[in-house]
């Protein structure tokens, strides 16, 4: 009977997680810069059946390897070129990653720990938002998690059956196709540090995890595309990707995304609330490394290595450390369910309750101070839904019923994510130039750009937006997209135009202007 109850609890939890990961993925426009470029690049590759060289607006795109473009292209084939299609596989990757974490922790540490770890991921607003974006990070997170969980299954066996190592070769190869060599660095560093501290000697342990077939499988999965792109672009793509988008990003800030080393830690603490606060107050438990299960030790090494690596990086973004979230969740499940460790929820929970309580007012006054969004400031009060759960969670905190306090606290943060996706952001989304300009009614016209422009228009019109400055002759009709700062220079070209739209980009400083050539 107990096993039957556990099965139903697991099914209900995973179904709820599925709903959260897929909520609203098709009802919000593809607008954020990274989303727009990735979704558009996949669209262009799919339109012309080009599966080697990624392009954006007809020009080579050197930022990322192509695996996510392939998944997006498959989704476009199934569902059409829509926001739902672009976000379908990222959402699926998020749900499958959570399933892996939940089921692994459940098998190793028990169903209570599995549910705690699962709730820790679902309660992370950053986690939920990350898997609602059409970007490559969801694929990297899924395949990195799968790689290390395969290693754990191998290590916990008799070290004779190499099947799990060979599966590692497959999923690590796919991780390298998701975002590049960072996958090798993080996984390789984790395994090296792990075997270094194992009994039996480093070389003996290290040789036990080396399998020629696994290495061959990894190379067969990861290398062919890199060889093809090197051949097709005479090495230019690899040069741009490895030196500019990897080495240069690590060595110095790019695109204004710099900051002190502490910024990376702040991203993790805020991004994984409330679970991250539990880990901070449980630091003594994490020092008992030798007595921890293999699953927890690997999770600790990978999480620390990932966070420290990006602390040292010149370029800092919140999504860089997101691959550590599944392993932070595993540690959260462990430290809370150890004997007597539920008390560690006490102060972490109180701080988290304070955040939930003050969030609506912070959002309201923050939007009201910005003239562009002051009329939408009322959406801050939508987040009172999460604050309402504060009362329930505080009740359990007072009674020291820590299990119920943790569940209700996580439900409060889940309510914040759902409020943002279902009610708050749709209000703001209507203000972005894609929707506010009504440009979708002009899609049959040719589109041009003058200087820099908002890349989300490429996905909206689903065709190249031509560079006006590179045309051989002046067009006599069409729509021109440009930034307001370039209007004076554009006027020197002598076009007769009428303004279709002028408005600031959502959460960005530039103002987009749309002109129709008469």
Protein backbone atom coordinates (compact mmCIF):
# COMPACT_ATOMS: atom_id res chain seq x y z
CA UNK A 1 0.00 0.00 0.00
CA UNK A 2 2.84 2.38 0.87
CA UNK A 3 4.51 1.74 -2.48
CA UNK A 4 1.19 2.39 -4.23
CA UNK A 5 0.85 5.73 -2.41
CA UNK A 6 4.41 6.69 -3.35
CA UNK A 7 3.69 5.92 -6.99
CA UNK A 8 0.65 8.18 -7.05
CA UNK A 9 2.48 10.97 -5.24
CA UNK A 10 5.26 10.74 -7.83
CA UNK A 11 2.83 10.77 -10.76
CA UNK A 12 0.89 13.77 -9.43
CA UNK A 13 4.09 15.70 -8.70
CA UNK A 14 5.57 15.06 -12.16
CA UNK A 15 2.29 15.99 -13.88
CA UNK A 16 2.19 19.27 -11.95
CA UNK A 17 5.81 19.88 -12.94
CA UNK A 18 4.88 19.24 -16.58
CA UNK A 19 2.15 21.88 -16.41
CA UNK A 20 4.53 24.44 -14.86
CA UNK A 21 7.24 23.88 -17.48
CA UNK A 22 4.82 24.19 -20.40
CA UNK A 23 2.58 26.96 -19.03
CA UNK A 24 2.14 29.80 -21.52
CA UNK A 25 5.01 28.77 -23.84
CA UNK A 26 2.96 29.63 -26.93
CA UNK A 27 1.17 32.77 -25.76
CA UNK A 28 4.11 35.14 -25.32
CA UNK A 29 5.94 36.69 -28.26
CA UNK A 30 9.49 35.73 -29.19
CA UNK A 31 11.00 39.02 -28.16
CA UNK A 32 14.02 38.69 -25.84
CA UNK A 33 17.22 39.23 -27.85
CA UNK A 34 18.74 35.75 -27.35
CA UNK A 35 15.43 34.04 -27.98
CA UNK A 36 14.85 36.03 -31.16
CA UNK A 37 18.26 35.26 -32.63
CA UNK A 38 18.21 31.55 -31.76
CA UNK A 39 14.63 30.97 -32.87
CA UNK A 40 15.22 32.93 -36.09
CA UNK A 41 18.48 31.13 -36.90
CA UNK A 42 16.71 27.78 -36.56
CA UNK A 43 13.88 29.07 -38.75
CA UNK A 44 16.32 30.07 -41.50
CA UNK A 45 18.12 26.73 -41.38
CA UNK A 46 14.79 24.90 -41.55
CA UNK A 47 13.49 27.04 -44.43
CA UNK A 48 16.47 26.28 -46.69
CA UNK A 49 17.34 22.79 -45.29
CA UNK A 50 20.77 24.02 -44.20
CA UNK A 51 22.01 21.84 -41.33
CA UNK A 52 25.66 22.82 -41.11
CA UNK A 53 26.06 26.62 -41.12
CA UNK A 54 23.79 28.57 -38.75
CA UNK A 55 22.70 31.98 -40.01
CA UNK A 56 20.75 34.90 -38.62
CA UNK A 57 19.13 37.27 -41.08
CA UNK A 58 21.15 35.63 -43.83
CA UNK A 59 24.55 36.12 -42.15
CA UNK A 60 26.63 33.41 -40.43
CA UNK A 61 25.98 33.09 -36.71
CA UNK A 62 29.04 32.06 -34.73
CA UNK A 63 27.61 32.13 -31.21
CA UNK A 64 26.59 28.51 -30.57
CA UNK A 65 26.79 24.96 -32.00
CA UNK A 66 23.69 23.71 -33.81
CA UNK A 67 21.95 21.10 -31.63
CA UNK A 68 19.18 23.40 -30.40
CA UNK A 69 18.61 24.58 -33.98
CA UNK A 70 17.92 20.98 -34.98
CA UNK A 71 15.39 20.56 -32.19
CA UNK A 72 13.74 23.87 -33.07
CA UNK A 73 13.60 22.84 -36.74
CA UNK A 74 11.91 19.57 -35.81
CA UNK A 75 9.36 21.49 -33.75
CA UNK A 76 8.73 23.89 -36.66
CA UNK A 77 8.09 20.86 -38.85
CA UNK A 78 5.57 19.51 -36.32
CA UNK A 79 3.86 22.71 -35.14
CA UNK A 80 4.75 25.43 -37.65
CA UNK A 81 7.02 28.44 -37.06
CA UNK A 82 5.43 29.71 -33.85
CA UNK A 83 6.55 30.71 -30.34
CA UNK A 84 5.07 27.41 -29.09
CA UNK A 85 7.26 25.42 -31.45
CA UNK A 86 10.40 27.40 -30.59
CA UNK A 87 9.90 26.79 -26.87
CA UNK A 88 8.53 23.24 -27.00
CA UNK A 89 11.81 21.36 -26.67
CA UNK A 90 13.37 23.76 -24.11
CA UNK A 91 10.31 23.21 -21.91
CA UNK A 92 10.54 19.47 -22.48
CA UNK A 93 14.26 19.49 -21.57
CA UNK A 94 13.44 21.26 -18.31
CA UNK A 95 10.74 18.77 -17.37
CA UNK A 96 12.90 15.77 -18.28
CA UNK A 97 15.79 17.17 -16.23
CA UNK A 98 13.51 17.55 -13.22
CA UNK A 99 12.25 13.99 -13.76
CA UNK A 100 15.82 12.70 -13.78
CA UNK A 101 16.66 14.54 -10.56
CA UNK A 102 13.48 13.48 -8.78
CA UNK A 103 13.72 9.81 -9.75
CA UNK A 104 17.47 9.61 -9.03
CA UNK A 105 17.15 11.18 -5.58
CA UNK A 106 14.09 9.05 -4.86
CA UNK A 107 16.04 5.89 -5.71
CA UNK A 108 19.14 6.88 -3.73
CA UNK A 109 17.81 8.89 -0.79
CA UNK A 110 14.07 8.17 -0.59
CA UNK A 111 10.86 9.73 -1.85
CA UNK A 112 10.87 12.56 0.71
CA UNK A 113 14.30 13.73 -0.46
CA UNK A 114 13.18 13.34 -4.07
CA UNK A 115 10.17 15.58 -3.51
CA UNK A 116 12.27 18.17 -1.67
CA UNK A 117 14.77 18.27 -4.55
CA UNK A 118 11.98 18.48 -7.10
CA UNK A 119 10.25 21.30 -5.22
CA UNK A 120 13.58 23.13 -4.95
CA UNK A 121 13.77 23.25 -8.76
CA UNK A 122 10.14 24.16 -9.30
CA UNK A 123 10.35 26.90 -6.65
CA UNK A 124 13.26 28.51 -8.50
CA UNK A 125 11.73 31.31 -10.58
CA UNK A 126 14.93 31.41 -12.63
CA UNK A 127 14.62 27.69 -13.39
CA UNK A 128 11.05 28.04 -14.63
CA UNK A 129 11.80 31.11 -16.75
CA UNK A 130 15.01 29.55 -18.13
CA UNK A 131 13.05 26.65 -19.60
CA UNK A 132 10.48 28.99 -21.13
CA UNK A 133 13.12 30.49 -23.45
CA UNK A 134 14.13 29.32 -26.92
CA UNK A 135 17.86 29.27 -26.15
CA UNK A 136 20.56 26.55 -26.04
CA UNK A 137 20.97 26.48 -22.24
CA UNK A 138 18.09 24.02 -21.60
CA UNK A 139 19.82 21.45 -23.81
CA UNK A 140 23.19 21.94 -22.12
CA UNK A 141 21.60 21.57 -18.68
CA UNK A 142 19.74 18.39 -19.65
CA UNK A 143 22.71 16.65 -21.27
CA UNK A 144 25.20 17.70 -18.56
CA UNK A 145 22.84 16.38 -15.89
CA UNK A 146 22.39 13.13 -17.80
CA UNK A 147 26.17 12.78 -18.23
CA UNK A 148 26.95 12.98 -14.52
CA UNK A 149 24.02 10.80 -13.50
CA UNK A 150 25.31 8.15 -15.91
CA UNK A 151 28.73 8.41 -14.26
CA UNK A 152 27.17 7.96 -10.83
CA UNK A 153 25.34 4.83 -12.00
CA UNK A 154 28.63 3.46 -13.31
CA UNK A 155 30.60 4.29 -10.16
CA UNK A 156 27.99 2.74 -7.88
CA UNK A 157 28.22 -0.51 -9.86
CA UNK A 158 31.02 -3.02 -9.96
CA UNK A 159 33.21 -0.93 -12.34
CA UNK A 160 33.15 -3.84 -14.78
CA UNK A 161 30.04 -3.00 -16.78
CA UNK A 162 31.00 -0.07 -19.03
CA UNK A 163 27.47 0.51 -20.41
CA UNK A 164 26.92 3.64 -18.35
CA UNK A 165 30.28 5.07 -19.48
CA UNK A 166 29.25 4.58 -23.09
CA UNK A 167 25.96 6.31 -22.48
CA UNK A 168 28.08 9.10 -21.00
CA UNK A 169 29.88 9.33 -24.33
CA UNK A 170 26.55 9.86 -26.11
CA UNK A 171 25.08 12.52 -23.82
CA UNK A 172 28.38 14.36 -23.27
CA UNK A 173 28.79 14.52 -27.06
CA UNK A 174 25.32 16.07 -27.29
CA UNK A 175 26.22 18.54 -24.53
CA UNK A 176 29.25 19.64 -26.58
CA UNK A 177 26.93 20.10 -29.56
CA UNK A 178 24.67 22.19 -27.34
CA UNK A 179 27.11 24.84 -26.17
CA UNK A 180 30.67 23.81 -26.87
CA UNK A 181 33.78 22.88 -24.85
CA UNK A 182 32.41 24.17 -21.54
CA UNK A 183 30.67 20.79 -21.21
CA UNK A 184 34.00 18.93 -21.34
CA UNK A 185 35.61 21.33 -18.86
CA UNK A 186 32.85 21.02 -16.24
CA UNK A 187 32.31 17.27 -16.53
CA UNK A 188 36.01 16.45 -16.87
CA UNK A 189 36.95 18.67 -13.93
CA UNK A 190 34.24 17.13 -11.75
CA UNK A 191 35.30 13.55 -12.47
CA UNK A 192 39.00 14.32 -11.98
CA UNK A 193 38.36 15.96 -8.61
CA UNK A 194 36.06 13.12 -7.58
CA UNK A 195 38.52 10.31 -8.31
CA UNK A 196 41.33 12.35 -6.73
CA UNK A 197 39.66 12.01 -3.33
CA UNK A 198 38.68 8.35 -3.65
CA UNK A 199 40.39 5.50 -1.86
CA UNK A 200 42.55 3.17 -3.92
CA UNK A 201 44.79 5.75 -5.55
CA UNK A 202 44.17 8.33 -8.23
CA UNK A 203 45.65 6.45 -11.20
CA UNK A 204 43.84 3.23 -10.44
CA UNK A 205 40.50 5.03 -10.12
CA UNK A 206 41.18 7.22 -13.14
CA UNK A 207 41.99 4.25 -15.37
CA UNK A 208 38.79 2.55 -14.26
CA UNK A 209 36.70 5.36 -15.79
CA UNK A 210 38.60 5.42 -19.08
CA UNK A 211 36.87 3.34 -21.72
CA UNK A 212 38.09 3.45 -25.36
CA UNK A 213 34.62 2.67 -26.70
CA UNK A 214 33.07 5.51 -24.68
CA UNK A 215 35.68 7.92 -26.05
CA UNK A 216 35.03 6.75 -29.62
CA UNK A 217 31.27 7.15 -29.13
CA UNK A 218 31.81 10.66 -27.77
CA UNK A 219 33.92 11.62 -30.78
CA UNK A 220 31.44 10.11 -33.27
CA UNK A 221 28.64 12.15 -31.71
CA UNK A 222 30.41 15.48 -31.22
CA UNK A 223 33.11 15.83 -33.89
CA UNK A 224 31.43 15.38 -37.33
CA UNK A 225 29.59 18.69 -37.25
CA UNK A 226 32.67 20.60 -36.06
CA UNK A 227 34.69 19.08 -38.92
CA UNK A 228 31.95 19.96 -41.43
CA UNK A 229 31.66 23.56 -40.24
CA UNK A 230 35.46 23.94 -40.35
CA UNK A 231 35.49 22.67 -43.93
CA UNK A 232 32.52 24.77 -45.03
CA UNK A 233 33.84 28.06 -43.59
CA UNK A 234 37.59 27.46 -44.02
CA UNK A 235 37.96 27.41 -40.24
CA UNK A 236 36.38 30.85 -39.73
CA UNK A 237 33.41 29.56 -37.73
CA UNK A 238 35.64 27.67 -35.28
CA UNK A 239 37.93 30.66 -34.92
CA UNK A 240 35.04 33.00 -34.14
CA UNK A 241 33.31 30.54 -31.80
CA UNK A 242 36.29 29.32 -29.79
CA UNK A 243 38.27 32.54 -29.54
CA UNK A 244 35.57 35.20 -29.44
CA UNK A 245 32.60 33.43 -27.85
CA UNK A 246 34.59 31.24 -25.44
CA UNK A 247 38.10 32.52 -24.70
CA UNK A 248 37.25 36.22 -25.01
CA UNK A 249 34.06 35.87 -22.96
CA UNK A 250 36.03 34.21 -20.18
CA UNK A 251 38.95 36.64 -20.33
CA UNK A 252 36.97 39.90 -20.30
CA UNK A 253 33.40 41.24 -20.11
CA UNK A 254 31.43 41.19 -23.36
CA UNK A 255 28.30 43.13 -24.30
CA UNK A 256 28.33 44.95 -20.97
CA UNK A 257 27.91 41.79 -18.89
CA UNK A 258 30.74 42.26 -16.41
CA UNK A 259 30.92 42.56 -12.63
CA UNK A 260 32.77 41.38 -9.55
CA UNK A 261 33.28 37.72 -8.71
CA UNK A 262 30.55 38.00 -6.06
CA UNK A 263 27.95 38.69 -8.76
CA UNK A 264 28.00 35.05 -9.87
CA UNK A 265 27.31 33.88 -6.32
CA UNK A 266 24.49 36.42 -6.04
CA UNK A 267 22.94 35.07 -9.24
CA UNK A 268 22.93 31.56 -7.78
CA UNK A 269 21.56 32.59 -4.38
CA UNK A 270 18.72 34.62 -5.89
CA UNK A 271 18.12 32.23 -8.78
CA UNK A 272 17.73 29.14 -6.57
CA UNK A 273 15.69 30.67 -3.75
CA UNK A 274 14.44 29.43 -1.39
CA UNK A 275 16.62 26.29 -1.59
CA UNK A 276 19.88 28.22 -1.94
CA UNK A 277 19.32 29.79 1.48
CA UNK A 278 18.91 26.32 2.99
CA UNK A 279 22.32 25.36 1.61
CA UNK A 280 23.90 28.54 2.98
CA UNK A 281 22.73 27.80 6.51
CA UNK A 282 23.66 24.11 6.12
CA UNK A 283 27.29 24.68 5.19
CA UNK A 284 28.50 22.56 8.11
CA UNK A 285 26.58 19.58 6.74
CA UNK A 286 28.30 19.98 3.39
CA UNK A 287 31.69 19.67 5.10
CA UNK A 288 30.90 16.03 5.93
CA UNK A 289 31.99 15.09 2.42
CA UNK A 290 33.45 11.67 3.23
CA UNK A 291 30.22 10.34 4.75
CA UNK A 292 27.96 11.65 1.99
CA UNK A 293 26.57 9.36 -0.74
CA UNK A 294 28.27 9.39 -4.15
CA UNK A 295 25.32 11.29 -5.61
CA UNK A 296 25.79 14.11 -3.11
CA UNK A 297 29.59 14.21 -3.46
CA UNK A 298 29.41 14.50 -7.25
CA UNK A 299 26.70 17.17 -6.89
CA UNK A 300 28.85 19.16 -4.47
CA UNK A 301 31.96 19.02 -6.66
CA UNK A 302 30.10 19.93 -9.86
CA UNK A 303 28.19 22.79 -8.21
CA UNK A 304 31.27 24.34 -6.60
CA UNK A 305 33.36 23.89 -9.76
CA UNK A 306 30.67 25.50 -11.95
CA UNK A 307 30.15 28.45 -9.63
CA UNK A 308 33.89 29.10 -9.12
CA UNK A 309 34.58 28.75 -12.86
CA UNK A 310 32.09 31.47 -13.73
CA UNK A 311 33.15 33.61 -10.79
CA UNK A 312 36.53 33.79 -12.54
CA UNK A 313 34.95 34.52 -15.92
CA UNK A 314 35.06 38.09 -17.18
CA UNK A 315 31.56 37.87 -18.67
CA UNK A 316 28.82 37.16 -16.12
CA UNK A 317 25.23 36.18 -16.85
CA UNK A 318 22.64 34.42 -14.65
CA UNK A 319 22.20 31.52 -17.09
CA UNK A 320 25.89 30.57 -16.97
CA UNK A 321 25.55 28.85 -13.58
CA UNK A 322 22.11 27.31 -14.27
CA UNK A 323 23.68 23.86 -15.04
CA UNK A 324 24.48 23.66 -11.31
CA UNK A 325 20.81 23.97 -10.30
CA UNK A 326 19.88 20.25 -10.63
CA UNK A 327 22.85 19.33 -8.42
CA UNK A 328 22.14 22.08 -5.91
CA UNK A 329 18.61 20.65 -5.71
CA UNK A 330 20.04 17.19 -5.00
CA UNK A 331 22.10 18.61 -2.12
CA UNK A 332 19.05 20.46 -0.79
CA UNK A 333 17.11 17.19 -0.68
CA UNK A 334 19.98 15.56 1.19
CA UNK A 335 20.70 18.23 3.81
CA UNK A 336 17.03 18.68 4.69
CA UNK A 337 16.22 14.99 5.14
CA UNK A 338 19.31 14.03 7.14
CA UNK A 339 18.67 13.29 10.81
CA UNK A 340 17.81 16.53 12.58
CA UNK A 341 18.47 18.75 9.56
CA UNK A 342 14.90 19.98 9.05
CA UNK A 343 15.74 22.80 11.45
CA UNK A 344 17.95 24.30 8.72
CA UNK A 345 14.77 25.40 6.96
CA UNK A 346 13.98 27.72 9.86
CA UNK A 347 15.96 30.89 9.10
CA UNK A 348 16.17 30.29 5.35
CA UNK A 349 12.39 30.03 5.32
CA UNK A 350 11.93 33.25 7.26
CA UNK A 351 14.10 35.23 4.85
CA UNK A 352 12.27 33.70 1.89
CA UNK A 353 8.91 34.63 3.42
CA UNK A 354 10.10 38.22 3.70
CA UNK A 355 11.00 38.21 0.00
CA UNK A 356 7.58 36.86 -0.98
CA UNK A 357 5.83 39.38 1.23
CA UNK A 358 7.64 42.45 -0.13
CA UNK A 359 7.76 41.35 -3.79
CA UNK A 360 4.40 42.84 -4.92
CA UNK A 361 5.25 46.30 -3.59
CA UNK A 362 8.77 46.14 -5.02
CA UNK A 363 7.43 45.32 -8.50
CA UNK A 364 4.68 47.95 -8.27
CA UNK A 365 6.96 50.83 -7.24
CA UNK A 366 9.73 49.67 -9.57
CA UNK A 367 7.44 49.83 -12.61
CA UNK A 368 5.81 53.06 -11.49
CA UNK A 369 9.20 54.78 -11.45
CA UNK A 370 9.74 53.95 -15.13
CA UNK A 371 7.65 56.22 -17.37
CA UNK A 372 7.46 53.56 -20.08
CA UNK A 373 5.74 51.05 -17.76
CA UNK A 374 4.09 53.22 -15.12
CA UNK A 375 0.62 52.53 -16.58
CA UNK A 376 1.23 48.81 -16.05
CA UNK A 377 2.53 49.12 -12.48
CA UNK A 378 -0.69 47.59 -11.17
CA UNK A 379 0.53 44.15 -12.23
CA UNK A 380 2.74 44.20 -9.13
CA UNK A 381 -0.35 43.50 -7.06
CA UNK A 382 -0.97 40.31 -9.05
CA UNK A 383 1.89 38.83 -7.03
CA UNK A 384 -0.19 39.07 -3.88
CA UNK A 385 -1.18 35.52 -4.82
CA UNK A 386 2.27 34.41 -3.69
CA UNK A 387 2.12 36.69 -0.67
CA UNK A 388 -1.16 35.09 0.35
CA UNK A 389 0.61 31.77 0.69
CA UNK A 390 3.04 33.54 3.03
CA UNK A 391 0.34 33.47 5.69
CA UNK A 392 -0.01 29.71 5.46
CA UNK A 393 3.75 29.16 5.39
CA UNK A 394 4.25 31.51 8.35
CA UNK A 395 1.64 29.58 10.30
CA UNK A 396 3.60 26.36 9.84
CA UNK A 397 6.84 28.20 10.68
CA UNK A 398 5.41 29.34 14.01
CA UNK A 399 4.33 25.78 14.78
CA UNK A 400 7.79 24.49 13.73
CA UNK A 401 6.13 22.10 11.28
CA UNK A 402 9.05 22.31 8.92
CA UNK A 403 7.85 19.86 6.26
CA UNK A 404 4.62 21.73 5.69
CA UNK A 405 6.46 25.03 5.93
CA UNK A 406 8.87 23.94 3.16
CA UNK A 407 6.07 22.74 0.88
CA UNK A 408 3.98 25.88 1.33
CA UNK A 409 7.06 28.08 0.92
CA UNK A 410 7.90 26.40 -2.38
CA UNK A 411 4.28 26.76 -3.48
CA UNK A 412 4.58 30.49 -2.82
CA UNK A 413 7.55 30.78 -5.18
CA UNK A 414 5.82 28.56 -7.76
CA UNK A 415 2.86 30.95 -7.55
CA UNK A 416 5.25 33.83 -8.35
CA UNK A 417 6.45 32.05 -11.50
CA UNK A 418 2.93 31.23 -12.67
CA UNK A 419 1.68 34.73 -11.89
CA UNK A 420 4.51 36.17 -13.97
CA UNK A 421 3.88 33.84 -16.91
CA UNK A 422 0.07 33.74 -16.91
CA UNK A 423 -0.95 37.27 -15.93
CA UNK A 424 1.84 39.79 -15.37
CA UNK A 425 4.17 39.41 -18.35
CA UNK A 426 1.33 39.19 -20.94
CA UNK A 427 0.39 42.75 -19.92
CA UNK A 428 3.95 43.98 -20.52
CA UNK A 429 4.32 41.87 -23.64
CA UNK A 430 1.59 43.90 -25.34
CA UNK A 431 3.84 46.95 -25.03
CA UNK A 432 6.75 45.51 -27.02
CA UNK A 433 7.20 46.90 -30.56
CA UNK A 434 6.23 43.59 -32.19
CA UNK A 435 2.69 43.73 -30.87
CA UNK A 436 2.23 47.44 -30.21
CA UNK A 437 3.22 48.43 -33.77
CA UNK A 438 0.71 46.19 -35.51
CA UNK A 439 3.47 45.35 -37.99
CA UNK A 440 2.14 41.80 -38.44
CA UNK A 441 -0.50 43.31 -40.75
CA UNK A 442 2.28 44.49 -43.08
CA UNK A 443 4.10 41.15 -43.36
CA UNK A 444 3.42 40.92 -47.10
CA UNK A 445 5.69 43.94 -47.70
CA UNK A 446 9.47 43.85 -47.96
CA UNK A 447 11.30 44.74 -44.75
CA UNK A 448 14.56 46.68 -44.48
CA UNK A 449 16.75 47.85 -41.64
CA UNK A 450 19.02 50.84 -41.29
CA UNK A 451 21.81 50.19 -38.81
CA UNK A 452 21.04 48.14 -35.71
CA UNK A 453 17.50 46.89 -35.19
CA UNK A 454 15.49 44.68 -32.87
CA UNK A 455 16.18 41.07 -34.01
CA UNK A 456 12.75 39.80 -32.96
CA UNK A 457 11.28 41.26 -36.16
CA UNK A 458 13.09 38.58 -38.19
CA UNK A 459 11.13 35.83 -36.43
CA UNK A 460 7.88 37.77 -36.72
CA UNK A 461 8.00 38.42 -40.47
CA UNK A 462 9.72 35.04 -41.14
CA UNK A 463 11.93 36.36 -43.92
CA UNK A 464 15.23 38.28 -44.18
CA UNK A 465 15.22 41.95 -43.27
CA UNK A 466 17.50 43.51 -45.88
CA UNK A 467 20.22 46.03 -45.08
CA UNK A 468 19.11 49.27 -46.71
CA UNK A 469 22.69 50.50 -46.96
CA UNK A 470 23.77 47.50 -49.04
CA UNK A 471 21.08 47.68 -51.72
CA UNK A 472 22.03 48.54 -55.31
CA UNK A 473 18.93 50.67 -55.80
CA UNK A 474 16.40 52.44 -53.61
CA UNK A 475 13.17 50.50 -53.00
CA UNK A 476 9.92 52.28 -53.72
CA UNK A 477 7.88 50.50 -51.05
CA UNK A 478 8.33 48.51 -47.87
CA UNK A 479 8.92 48.93 -44.14
CA UNK A 480 12.15 50.24 -42.61
CA UNK A 481 13.14 49.26 -39.04
CA UNK A 482 15.70 51.39 -37.23
CA UNK A 483 16.57 52.90 -33.90
CA UNK A 484 15.55 56.45 -33.11
CA UNK A 485 19.18 57.46 -32.67
CA UNK A 486 19.76 56.73 -36.39
CA UNK A 487 16.81 58.78 -37.66
CA UNK A 488 18.83 61.87 -38.49
CA UNK A 489 21.35 59.89 -40.53
CA UNK A 490 18.57 57.97 -42.27
CA UNK A 491 16.79 61.19 -43.29
CA UNK A 492 19.83 62.10 -45.41
CA UNK A 493 18.99 59.24 -47.79
CA UNK A 494 15.98 61.19 -49.04
CA UNK A 495 13.25 58.57 -48.61
CA UNK A 496 9.65 59.72 -48.42
CA UNK A 497 8.32 57.85 -45.38
CA UNK A 498 5.55 57.92 -42.84
CA UNK A 499 6.04 56.82 -39.24
CA UNK A 500 4.19 53.59 -38.52
CA UNK A 501 5.37 53.17 -34.93
CA UNK A 502 7.76 54.61 -32.40
CA UNK A 503 8.29 53.02 -28.99
CA UNK A 504 10.94 51.95 -26.54
CA UNK A 505 12.03 48.33 -26.62
CA UNK A 506 10.67 46.35 -23.70
CA UNK A 507 13.19 46.45 -20.81
CA UNK A 508 15.83 47.89 -23.16
CA UNK A 509 17.07 51.44 -23.67
CA UNK A 510 16.82 51.81 -27.50
CA UNK A 511 13.64 53.15 -29.11
CA UNK A 512 12.46 51.28 -32.20
CA UNK A 513 11.02 53.26 -35.11
CA UNK A 514 9.09 51.70 -38.01
CA UNK A 515 8.75 53.71 -41.23
CA UNK A 516 6.71 52.86 -44.28
CA UNK A 517 8.20 53.94 -47.59
CA UNK A 518 5.56 55.78 -49.56
